[in-house]
Amino acid sequence: MAKKVLIAFNGTRGDVQPYVLAGKILEQGGFEVMLAGPGDAKALAEHCEVKFQRTRLSFQRIMQQPGVEEAMEKDDIMTVATIKEKRVAEHKEEELKAMYELLTSFKPDLVLCGPLCIPDTLALCKMRRIPVIVFCLHRWRPSRYVTPVGVSDSMPGGMKMACWKLLLRLSVRASRQLDIPILDRILGFSSKPYYPTYREYCDYMMNAPAFLSLVAESNALMGDLPADFSSNIVQIGALMMPPKEQEGTEFGVAQSSELDRFLEAGPSPVYCGFGSIICKSSKFMTLLCLRGLMMSGQRGVVASSWSDMSAELLEGEPDSAELIAYAKEKVLFMKTAPHGTLFPRCSVIVHHGGSGTSNASVRSGTPTIICPIWFDQFDNSAAVNARGIGVGMQNMRKVKPADLAAAITKCLGSASIKARAREVAEAISKEDSAGKLVSIIKEYMQDFVATGRHLKLQDELLRHSKSSWFSCCSKPHRPEADY
């Protein structure tokens, strides 16, 4: 009988795709897989023929809440976060109940858990004695070499680590305050003994975790993991949908004929798309792209995705007539686009720096321009500069059309950028992320799940934590676990 793996995840459209693909890869590797995530993932899961259950609120629905767009226009991230947390709290009981029922019915042997789902997933799995390992799309966790959100990259390593620990403590505290009363109602008994403490959370999400932790990022793009990461954190390579499989509504099939005609009608265009991110407003992004394209004299494909970028938003500007005429002749607006097949046919790729889009752009061998907005996008932007494969820009909120036009012109005119983009693309094509994922999970199932070794380690860590008079500040005891 095939071993059962449940993949629990949350995030935007770009985050969803690698997790769904991981499910398909593990199915093909001989496992029985169940996906548990936001409703946005359902269509793609069906496309990949992997079982799926909605257990999380759609990020797109959160971003469409009243007040979010206005807050984004004012660069008021705190208000966006507050609206998000309120919306999540309203649906938390529904989410936790769905996850509890799924774990009860599916009975997985192992759970692969994305970072946004860790606290409550750990609690429910601890209750049912199910091993959990963390499955991330990037290296974003406590480290002297990884910069947490809102902190200057020039801050000393020790201060970065201190900021990380503070963020984790606050995150765990907030999760416990929200989730424990809800779980108590669902279960009919106290969930507090099962809900992870800060220390237990660190056993999964620190730079030296007690358990195996997978990072699905490309070494060719991001380089080696930070020096203070332990060997329990394993970089497997980026997980990307093969270009030939990027079909259906998720990949812009409704406009595929129109796209082909546009591509064949002139020189390779510049792609502009920012995924699930809205910077300031859809109008701001539309004007930035169109003015940047017009100043650089390039044709363009503009993918709106979760935003409302469109030619209609060019109205009401001093240069509207010129912009509208330029867009009509040289720009194609799309809702979504097949990155795998489109990017190699473009001259430059302009995007927000999300993990999925970054990986797809690098795989294409086309020069990349990243206009980051938040979180790991700044790391991806820095990686583009470090690899010499394009231009990693400052915060998108500060980017002007002339800046974008200059970056496009630089990429088009630089032989070294084009050569390096091809070299890194070749390197990323050789990363066997699918093979690594299957082999690692098979080995872990055999050595840590079937033998009970994972749960024994979990129990030992818990006993040590309870017996320590200074467990909240002492260095966690971690028995040797060679992965």
Protein backbone atom coordinates (compact mmCIF):
# COMPACT_ATOMS: atom_id res chain seq x y z
CA MET A 1 0.00 0.00 0.00
CA ALA A 2 1.32 3.43 -0.96
CA LYS A 3 2.42 5.71 1.86
CA LYS A 4 0.20 8.75 2.33
CA VAL A 5 1.56 12.30 2.15
CA LEU A 6 -0.47 15.41 2.90
CA ILE A 7 0.90 18.77 1.69
CA ALA A 8 -0.47 21.70 3.71
CA PHE A 9 0.16 25.15 2.25
CA ASN A 10 -1.11 28.68 1.91
CA GLY A 11 -0.18 31.73 -0.11
CA THR A 12 -0.74 33.52 -3.38
CA ARG A 13 -1.11 32.05 -6.87
CA GLY A 14 2.66 31.91 -7.35
CA ASP A 15 3.07 30.03 -4.07
CA VAL A 16 0.32 27.57 -4.89
CA GLN A 17 1.85 26.24 -8.12
CA PRO A 18 5.04 24.69 -6.65
CA TYR A 19 3.08 22.93 -3.90
CA VAL A 20 0.57 21.49 -6.36
CA LEU A 21 3.42 20.39 -8.61
CA ALA A 22 5.12 18.75 -5.60
CA GLY A 23 1.93 16.76 -5.08
CA LYS A 24 1.95 15.59 -8.67
CA ILE A 25 5.64 14.66 -8.48
CA LEU A 26 5.14 12.61 -5.31
CA GLU A 27 2.09 10.89 -6.84
CA GLN A 28 4.25 9.87 -9.78
CA GLY A 29 6.90 8.75 -7.29
CA GLY A 30 4.55 6.18 -5.78
CA PHE A 31 2.91 8.08 -2.91
CA GLU A 32 -0.77 8.73 -2.29
CA VAL A 33 -1.04 12.51 -2.00
CA MET A 34 -3.61 14.93 -0.65
CA LEU A 35 -3.25 18.70 -1.07
CA ALA A 36 -4.65 21.01 1.62
CA GLY A 37 -4.64 24.72 0.83
CA PRO A 38 -6.56 27.82 -0.31
CA GLY A 39 -9.43 27.61 -2.77
CA ASP A 40 -7.25 29.27 -5.43
CA ALA A 41 -5.44 25.94 -5.80
CA LYS A 42 -8.45 23.83 -6.75
CA ALA A 43 -8.37 24.40 -10.52
CA LEU A 44 -4.64 23.74 -10.76
CA ALA A 45 -4.92 20.63 -8.57
CA GLU A 46 -7.63 19.29 -10.87
CA HIS A 47 -5.44 20.12 -13.88
CA CYS A 48 -2.60 18.12 -12.31
CA GLU A 49 -4.99 15.34 -11.23
CA VAL A 50 -4.04 15.51 -7.55
CA LYS A 51 -6.61 15.24 -4.76
CA PHE A 52 -7.32 18.57 -3.08
CA GLN A 53 -9.26 19.86 -0.09
CA ARG A 54 -9.77 23.55 0.67
CA THR A 55 -8.52 24.28 4.18
CA ARG A 56 -7.45 27.93 3.87
CA LEU A 57 -9.01 31.24 2.89
CA SER A 58 -8.07 32.51 -0.56
CA PHE A 59 -5.43 35.25 -0.51
CA GLN A 60 -7.16 36.83 -3.50
CA ARG A 61 -10.37 37.21 -1.49
CA ILE A 62 -8.37 38.84 1.29
CA MET A 63 -6.77 41.32 -1.12
CA GLN A 64 -10.22 42.20 -2.48
CA GLN A 65 -11.51 43.27 0.95
CA PRO A 66 -12.77 46.87 1.28
CA GLY A 67 -9.99 49.18 2.33
CA VAL A 68 -7.09 47.11 1.01
CA GLU A 69 -6.65 48.96 -2.28
CA GLU A 70 -6.90 52.34 -0.56
CA ALA A 71 -4.29 51.28 1.99
CA MET A 72 -1.99 50.02 -0.77
CA GLU A 73 -2.27 53.38 -2.55
CA LYS A 74 -1.07 55.08 0.65
CA ASP A 75 1.68 52.51 1.18
CA ASP A 76 -0.03 51.65 4.48
CA ILE A 77 1.11 48.06 4.98
CA MET A 78 -0.03 48.01 8.62
CA THR A 79 -3.63 48.61 7.58
CA VAL A 80 -3.38 45.87 4.95
CA ALA A 81 -2.05 43.49 7.60
CA THR A 82 -4.83 44.45 10.01
CA ILE A 83 -7.55 43.82 7.41
CA LYS A 84 -5.93 40.51 6.52
CA GLU A 85 -5.76 39.35 10.14
CA LYS A 86 -9.38 40.32 10.74
CA ARG A 87 -10.53 38.39 7.68
CA VAL A 88 -8.45 35.34 8.65
CA ALA A 89 -9.85 35.42 12.20
CA GLU A 90 -13.41 35.43 10.84
CA HIS A 91 -12.76 32.20 8.93
CA LYS A 92 -10.30 30.50 11.29
CA GLU A 93 -12.80 28.08 12.82
CA GLU A 94 -13.86 26.95 9.36
CA GLU A 95 -10.21 26.43 8.38
CA LEU A 96 -9.21 24.52 11.52
CA LYS A 97 -12.28 22.29 11.36
CA ALA A 98 -11.60 21.46 7.70
CA MET A 99 -7.97 20.58 8.47
CA TYR A 100 -8.90 18.47 11.51
CA GLU A 101 -11.50 16.52 9.53
CA LEU A 102 -9.08 16.00 6.64
CA LEU A 103 -6.34 14.63 8.90
CA THR A 104 -8.93 12.33 10.49
CA SER A 105 -10.26 10.98 7.19
CA PHE A 106 -7.10 10.88 5.07
CA LYS A 107 -4.79 9.59 7.85
CA PRO A 108 -1.47 10.69 6.31
CA ASP A 109 1.80 9.00 7.24
CA LEU A 110 3.66 12.30 6.81
CA VAL A 111 2.70 15.96 6.45
CA LEU A 112 4.76 18.43 4.42
CA CYS A 113 3.88 21.85 5.78
CA GLY A 114 4.37 25.29 4.25
CA PRO A 115 5.61 28.03 6.62
CA LEU A 116 2.28 29.89 6.75
CA CYS A 117 0.49 26.82 8.14
CA ILE A 118 2.96 25.60 10.73
CA PRO A 119 1.48 26.46 14.17
CA ASP A 120 -2.03 25.01 13.79
CA THR A 121 -0.86 22.12 11.59
CA LEU A 122 1.73 21.13 14.20
CA ALA A 123 -0.95 21.20 16.90
CA LEU A 124 -3.37 18.97 15.01
CA CYS A 125 -0.65 16.57 13.86
CA LYS A 126 0.87 16.36 17.35
CA MET A 127 -2.57 15.39 18.61
CA ARG A 128 -2.88 12.62 16.02
CA ARG A 129 0.78 11.53 16.23
CA ILE A 130 1.56 12.42 12.61
CA PRO A 131 5.15 13.45 11.70
CA VAL A 132 5.54 16.92 10.15
CA ILE A 133 8.42 18.40 8.16
CA VAL A 134 8.60 21.98 6.91
CA PHE A 135 8.46 22.55 3.14
CA CYS A 136 9.39 26.12 2.10
CA LEU A 137 9.78 27.83 -1.27
CA HIS A 138 12.62 30.07 -0.07
CA ARG A 139 15.22 30.38 2.68
CA TRP A 140 13.29 33.01 4.60
CA ARG A 141 13.93 32.03 8.25
CA PRO A 142 16.10 33.20 11.19
CA SER A 143 19.72 33.71 10.16
CA ARG A 144 22.55 36.17 10.55
CA TYR A 145 22.57 36.39 6.73
CA VAL A 146 18.85 36.68 5.91
CA THR A 147 17.17 40.05 6.44
CA PRO A 148 13.72 40.01 8.10
CA VAL A 149 10.97 42.29 6.81
CA GLY A 150 11.23 45.92 7.83
CA VAL A 151 14.91 45.69 8.77
CA SER A 152 17.83 47.29 6.96
CA ASP A 153 20.07 44.87 5.09
CA SER A 154 23.08 46.71 6.54
CA MET A 155 22.13 45.68 10.09
CA PRO A 156 24.75 43.45 11.82
CA GLY A 157 24.08 39.71 11.72
CA GLY A 158 23.47 39.43 15.45
CA MET A 159 20.82 42.12 15.30
CA LYS A 160 19.14 40.41 12.34
CA MET A 161 18.91 37.19 14.35
CA ALA A 162 17.50 39.06 17.34
CA CYS A 163 14.83 40.66 15.11
CA TRP A 164 13.97 37.27 13.65
CA LYS A 165 13.50 35.74 17.10
CA LEU A 166 11.27 38.61 18.16
CA LEU A 167 9.14 38.21 15.03
CA LEU A 168 8.78 34.48 15.67
CA ARG A 169 7.80 35.01 19.30
CA LEU A 170 5.15 37.55 18.34
CA SER A 171 3.86 35.30 15.56
CA VAL A 172 3.58 32.24 17.82
CA ARG A 173 1.90 34.29 20.56
CA ALA A 174 -0.68 35.68 18.13
CA SER A 175 -1.37 32.22 16.70
CA ARG A 176 -1.87 30.71 20.15
CA GLN A 177 -4.23 33.49 21.23
CA LEU A 178 -6.38 33.07 18.11
CA ASP A 179 -6.30 29.31 17.58
CA ILE A 180 -6.42 27.68 21.03
CA PRO A 181 -9.95 28.85 22.00
CA ILE A 182 -11.24 27.84 18.56
CA LEU A 183 -9.61 24.41 18.71
CA ASP A 184 -11.04 23.89 22.20
CA ARG A 185 -14.56 24.40 20.79
CA ILE A 186 -13.93 22.07 17.85
CA LEU A 187 -12.34 19.30 19.91
CA GLY A 188 -14.38 19.52 23.08
CA PHE A 189 -11.24 19.45 25.22
CA SER A 190 -8.19 21.64 25.84
CA SER A 191 -5.84 21.94 22.88
CA LYS A 192 -3.25 23.92 24.84
CA PRO A 193 -1.01 20.88 25.59
CA TYR A 194 -0.79 20.20 21.85
CA TYR A 195 -0.34 23.71 20.51
CA PRO A 196 3.35 24.47 19.86
CA THR A 197 5.20 26.82 22.17
CA TYR A 198 7.81 29.21 20.82
CA ARG A 199 10.48 26.63 21.62
CA GLU A 200 8.67 23.84 19.78
CA TYR A 201 8.15 26.16 16.82
CA CYS A 202 11.90 26.78 16.75
CA ASP A 203 12.48 23.03 16.37
CA TYR A 204 10.95 23.43 12.92
CA MET A 205 11.67 26.99 11.78
CA MET A 206 15.06 28.05 13.14
CA ASN A 207 18.32 28.00 11.16
CA ALA A 208 19.25 24.78 12.98
CA PRO A 209 15.94 22.89 13.17
CA ALA A 210 15.59 19.57 14.95
CA PHE A 211 13.75 18.05 12.01
CA LEU A 212 14.28 17.87 8.27
CA SER A 213 13.26 21.05 6.43
CA LEU A 214 13.05 21.30 2.63
CA VAL A 215 13.72 24.49 0.65
CA ALA A 216 12.47 24.41 -2.95
CA GLU A 217 14.69 27.17 -4.32
CA SER A 218 17.26 27.14 -7.11
CA ASN A 219 20.93 27.03 -6.22
CA ALA A 220 21.69 28.45 -9.67
CA LEU A 221 19.73 31.60 -8.79
CA MET A 222 20.06 31.93 -5.01
CA GLY A 223 23.40 30.24 -4.38
CA ASP A 224 24.24 28.04 -1.40
CA LEU A 225 22.20 28.26 1.79
CA PRO A 226 23.53 30.64 4.49
CA ALA A 227 26.56 29.49 6.46
CA ASP A 228 24.61 29.34 9.73
CA PHE A 229 21.98 26.92 8.35
CA SER A 230 22.39 23.36 9.63
CA SER A 231 22.47 20.27 7.42
CA ASN A 232 18.86 19.52 8.42
CA ILE A 233 17.82 22.25 5.95
CA VAL A 234 18.04 20.80 2.44
CA GLN A 235 17.90 22.84 -0.77
CA ILE A 236 16.24 20.69 -3.46
CA GLY A 237 15.94 23.15 -6.38
CA ALA A 238 12.99 25.11 -7.75
CA LEU A 239 9.74 23.32 -8.56
CA MET A 240 8.34 24.58 -11.87
CA MET A 241 5.55 23.36 -14.09
CA PRO A 242 6.98 22.10 -17.41
CA PRO A 243 6.17 24.60 -20.20
CA LYS A 244 4.25 22.01 -22.23
CA GLU A 245 1.90 21.42 -19.27
CA GLN A 246 0.99 25.10 -18.83
CA GLU A 247 -2.47 24.85 -20.33
CA GLY A 248 -5.97 25.83 -19.27
CA THR A 249 -7.48 28.94 -17.72
CA GLU A 250 -4.71 29.16 -15.13
CA PHE A 251 -2.26 29.93 -17.93
CA GLY A 252 -4.18 32.30 -20.19
CA VAL A 253 -5.59 29.78 -22.68
CA ALA A 254 -8.49 32.12 -23.49
CA GLN A 255 -6.08 34.55 -25.16
CA SER A 256 -3.55 32.06 -26.56
CA SER A 257 -4.40 32.73 -30.22
CA GLU A 258 -4.30 36.48 -29.66
CA LEU A 259 -0.93 36.12 -27.93
CA ASP A 260 0.51 34.06 -30.80
CA ARG A 261 -0.61 36.65 -33.35
CA PHE A 262 0.92 39.45 -31.30
CA LEU A 263 4.25 37.66 -30.90
CA GLU A 264 4.46 36.91 -34.62
CA ALA A 265 3.59 40.49 -35.61
CA GLY A 266 6.84 42.11 -34.48
CA PRO A 267 10.05 41.98 -32.44
CA SER A 268 10.19 40.08 -29.14
CA PRO A 269 8.24 42.06 -26.53
CA VAL A 270 9.01 42.99 -22.95
CA TYR A 271 6.83 41.09 -20.47
CA CYS A 272 5.39 43.09 -17.55
CA GLY A 273 3.46 41.32 -14.81
CA PHE A 274 3.31 41.45 -11.02
CA GLY A 275 1.35 38.33 -10.13
CA SER A 276 -0.82 38.59 -7.05
CA ILE A 277 0.78 41.84 -5.90
CA ILE A 278 -0.76 45.30 -6.23
CA CYS A 279 1.68 48.15 -5.65
CA LYS A 280 -0.13 51.37 -4.74
CA SER A 281 -2.88 50.78 -7.32
CA SER A 282 -3.59 49.09 -10.64
CA LYS A 283 -3.41 52.50 -12.30
CA PHE A 284 0.06 53.17 -10.88
CA MET A 285 1.34 49.86 -12.23
CA THR A 286 -0.32 50.35 -15.62
CA LEU A 287 1.23 53.80 -16.06
CA LEU A 288 4.64 52.59 -14.88
CA CYS A 289 4.67 49.77 -17.42
CA LEU A 290 3.28 51.73 -20.37
CA ARG A 291 5.47 54.77 -19.86
CA GLY A 292 8.51 52.55 -19.36
CA LEU A 293 7.74 50.67 -22.57
CA MET A 294 7.10 53.87 -24.53
CA MET A 295 10.29 55.56 -23.28
CA SER A 296 12.35 52.51 -24.24
CA GLY A 297 10.51 52.06 -27.55
CA GLN A 298 9.59 48.43 -26.87
CA ARG A 299 6.55 46.30 -27.54
CA GLY A 300 5.01 44.75 -24.44
CA VAL A 301 2.81 42.02 -23.01
CA VAL A 302 1.17 43.22 -19.78
CA ALA A 303 -0.41 40.52 -17.58
CA SER A 304 -2.78 41.93 -14.96
CA SER A 305 -3.33 38.73 -12.90
CA TRP A 306 -4.92 39.78 -9.58
CA SER A 307 -4.72 43.49 -10.44
CA ASP A 308 -6.91 45.46 -12.86
CA MET A 309 -4.11 46.73 -15.12
CA SER A 310 -5.67 47.68 -18.46
CA ALA A 311 -5.66 50.24 -21.26
CA GLU A 312 -8.72 51.90 -19.67
CA LEU A 313 -6.53 53.07 -16.77
CA LEU A 314 -4.46 55.20 -19.16
CA GLU A 315 -7.28 57.77 -19.24
CA GLY A 316 -7.11 61.04 -17.33
CA GLU A 317 -3.37 61.69 -17.68
CA PRO A 318 -1.52 64.55 -19.42
CA ASP A 319 -0.01 62.02 -21.83
CA SER A 320 -3.13 59.84 -22.15
CA ALA A 321 -3.56 60.30 -25.90
CA GLU A 322 0.03 59.27 -26.58
CA LEU A 323 -0.12 56.32 -24.16
CA ILE A 324 -3.41 55.02 -25.56
CA ALA A 325 -2.13 55.20 -29.13
CA TYR A 326 1.09 53.42 -28.13
CA ALA A 327 -0.79 50.70 -26.26
CA LYS A 328 -3.13 50.10 -29.19
CA GLU A 329 -0.22 49.56 -31.57
CA LYS A 330 2.44 47.90 -29.43
CA VAL A 331 0.97 46.41 -26.24
CA LEU A 332 -1.14 43.33 -25.52
CA PHE A 333 -3.01 43.22 -22.21
CA MET A 334 -3.73 39.75 -20.78
CA LYS A 335 -5.21 38.42 -17.54
CA THR A 336 -2.76 35.54 -17.17
CA ALA A 337 -0.01 34.17 -19.39
CA PRO A 338 1.88 30.87 -19.77
CA HIS A 339 5.28 31.83 -18.35
CA GLY A 340 6.96 28.65 -19.52
CA THR A 341 6.23 29.18 -23.21
CA LEU A 342 6.00 33.00 -23.27
CA PHE A 343 9.15 34.03 -21.40
CA PRO A 344 11.65 32.48 -23.84
CA ARG A 345 9.97 34.50 -26.62
CA CYS A 346 10.38 37.81 -24.77
CA SER A 347 13.34 40.20 -24.85
CA VAL A 348 13.14 41.21 -21.17
CA ILE A 349 10.94 40.08 -18.27
CA VAL A 350 9.74 42.68 -15.75
CA HIS A 351 8.10 41.36 -12.59
CA HIS A 352 7.73 41.68 -8.81
CA GLY A 353 10.22 39.02 -7.79
CA GLY A 354 7.88 36.36 -6.42
CA SER A 355 9.53 32.95 -6.13
CA GLY A 356 7.52 31.32 -8.91
CA THR A 357 7.92 34.13 -11.44
CA SER A 358 11.60 34.55 -10.58
CA ASN A 359 12.29 30.88 -11.20
CA ALA A 360 10.34 30.88 -14.47
CA SER A 361 12.11 34.00 -15.74
CA VAL A 362 15.54 32.59 -14.92
CA ARG A 363 14.69 29.24 -16.52
CA SER A 364 13.78 31.05 -19.77
CA GLY A 365 17.28 32.47 -20.27
CA THR A 366 15.78 35.93 -20.83
CA PRO A 367 17.19 38.96 -18.95
CA THR A 368 15.13 39.78 -15.85
CA ILE A 369 14.13 43.03 -14.17
CA ILE A 370 12.70 42.76 -10.65
CA CYS A 371 10.71 45.58 -9.05
CA PRO A 372 10.28 44.15 -5.52
CA ILE A 373 7.49 45.13 -3.17
CA TRP A 374 7.90 43.06 -0.01
CA PHE A 375 9.31 39.99 1.79
CA ASP A 376 11.58 37.60 -0.14
CA GLN A 377 11.17 39.60 -3.35
CA PHE A 378 14.07 41.80 -2.24
CA ASP A 379 16.28 38.71 -1.85
CA ASN A 380 15.37 37.59 -5.36
CA SER A 381 16.09 41.08 -6.68
CA ALA A 382 19.52 41.03 -5.03
CA ALA A 383 20.17 37.58 -6.50
CA VAL A 384 19.48 38.88 -10.03
CA ASN A 385 22.13 41.57 -9.53
CA ALA A 386 24.58 39.13 -7.96
CA ARG A 387 24.24 36.69 -10.87
CA GLY A 388 24.45 39.46 -13.48
CA ILE A 389 21.32 38.24 -15.28
CA GLY A 390 19.38 41.51 -15.31
CA VAL A 391 18.52 44.41 -13.05
CA GLY A 392 17.25 44.13 -9.49
CA MET A 393 15.64 47.48 -8.69
CA GLN A 394 14.69 49.34 -5.52
CA ASN A 395 11.26 49.11 -3.95
CA MET A 396 8.67 49.27 -6.74
CA ARG A 397 6.88 52.10 -4.94
CA LYS A 398 9.90 54.31 -5.70
CA VAL A 399 10.49 53.18 -9.30
CA LYS A 400 9.75 55.81 -11.95
CA PRO A 401 9.00 55.14 -15.65
CA ALA A 402 12.41 56.55 -16.60
CA ASP A 403 14.07 54.08 -14.19
CA LEU A 404 12.22 51.16 -15.74
CA ALA A 405 13.01 52.35 -19.28
CA ALA A 406 16.71 52.62 -18.38
CA ALA A 407 16.71 49.09 -16.93
CA ILE A 408 15.03 47.71 -20.06
CA THR A 409 17.53 49.49 -22.30
CA LYS A 410 20.42 48.18 -20.20
CA CYS A 411 19.24 44.58 -20.48
CA LEU A 412 18.69 44.86 -24.23
CA GLY A 413 22.10 46.41 -24.83
CA SER A 414 24.25 44.28 -22.54
CA ALA A 415 25.93 41.26 -24.11
CA SER A 416 27.17 40.12 -20.70
CA ILE A 417 23.68 40.16 -19.14
CA LYS A 418 22.30 38.13 -22.04
CA ALA A 419 25.17 35.63 -21.84
CA ARG A 420 24.87 35.24 -18.07
CA ALA A 421 21.09 34.79 -18.36
CA ARG A 422 21.66 31.89 -20.74
CA GLU A 423 24.35 30.37 -18.50
CA VAL A 424 22.19 30.48 -15.38
CA ALA A 425 19.23 29.09 -17.33
CA GLU A 426 21.35 26.13 -18.38
CA ALA A 427 22.42 25.57 -14.77
CA ILE A 428 18.86 25.68 -13.45
CA SER A 429 17.74 23.20 -16.12
CA LYS A 430 20.16 20.65 -14.66
CA GLU A 431 18.73 20.85 -11.13
CA ASP A 432 16.74 17.67 -10.57
CA SER A 433 14.34 19.06 -7.98
CA ALA A 434 11.67 16.45 -8.72
CA GLY A 435 14.10 13.57 -8.33
CA LYS A 436 15.51 15.02 -5.10
CA LEU A 437 12.05 15.55 -3.63
CA VAL A 438 10.97 11.97 -4.26
CA SER A 439 14.22 10.38 -3.07
CA ILE A 440 14.34 12.49 0.12
CA ILE A 441 10.73 11.74 1.07
CA LYS A 442 11.17 8.02 0.35
CA GLU A 443 14.28 7.94 2.52
CA TYR A 444 12.59 9.90 5.29
CA MET A 445 9.57 7.61 5.23
CA GLN A 446 11.85 4.60 5.56
CA ASP A 447 14.31 5.93 8.15
CA PHE A 448 12.23 8.30 10.29
CA VAL A 449 8.52 7.58 9.80
CA ALA A 450 8.32 3.79 9.51
CA THR A 451 10.79 3.33 12.38
CA GLY A 452 9.04 5.86 14.61
CA ARG A 453 12.28 7.81 14.86
CA HIS A 454 10.65 11.15 14.08
CA LEU A 455 8.05 10.84 16.84
CA LYS A 456 10.64 9.57 19.32
CA LEU A 457 12.75 12.66 18.65
CA GLN A 458 9.68 14.84 19.01
CA ASP A 459 8.87 13.24 22.38
CA GLU A 460 12.45 13.59 23.60
CA LEU A 461 12.54 17.29 22.72
CA LEU A 462 9.25 17.83 24.53
CA ARG A 463 10.48 16.03 27.67
CA HIS A 464 13.67 18.09 27.67
CA SER A 465 11.68 21.31 27.26
CA LYS A 466 9.41 20.48 30.21
CA SER A 467 12.29 19.42 32.46
CA SER A 468 14.39 22.55 31.86
CA TRP A 469 14.07 25.36 34.41
CA PHE A 470 15.30 27.82 31.82
CA SER A 471 13.87 26.29 28.65
CA CYS A 472 12.61 29.63 27.35
CA CYS A 473 16.12 30.99 26.98
CA SER A 474 18.43 27.98 26.88
CA LYS A 475 19.78 26.53 23.67
CA PRO A 476 17.50 23.71 22.48
CA HIS A 477 18.84 20.20 22.98
CA ARG A 478 18.80 18.42 19.62
CA PRO A 479 19.72 14.73 19.43
CA GLU A 480 21.75 13.81 16.38
CA ALA A 481 19.57 13.29 13.31
CA ASP A 482 21.50 12.72 10.11
CA TYR A 483 19.41 13.39 7.01
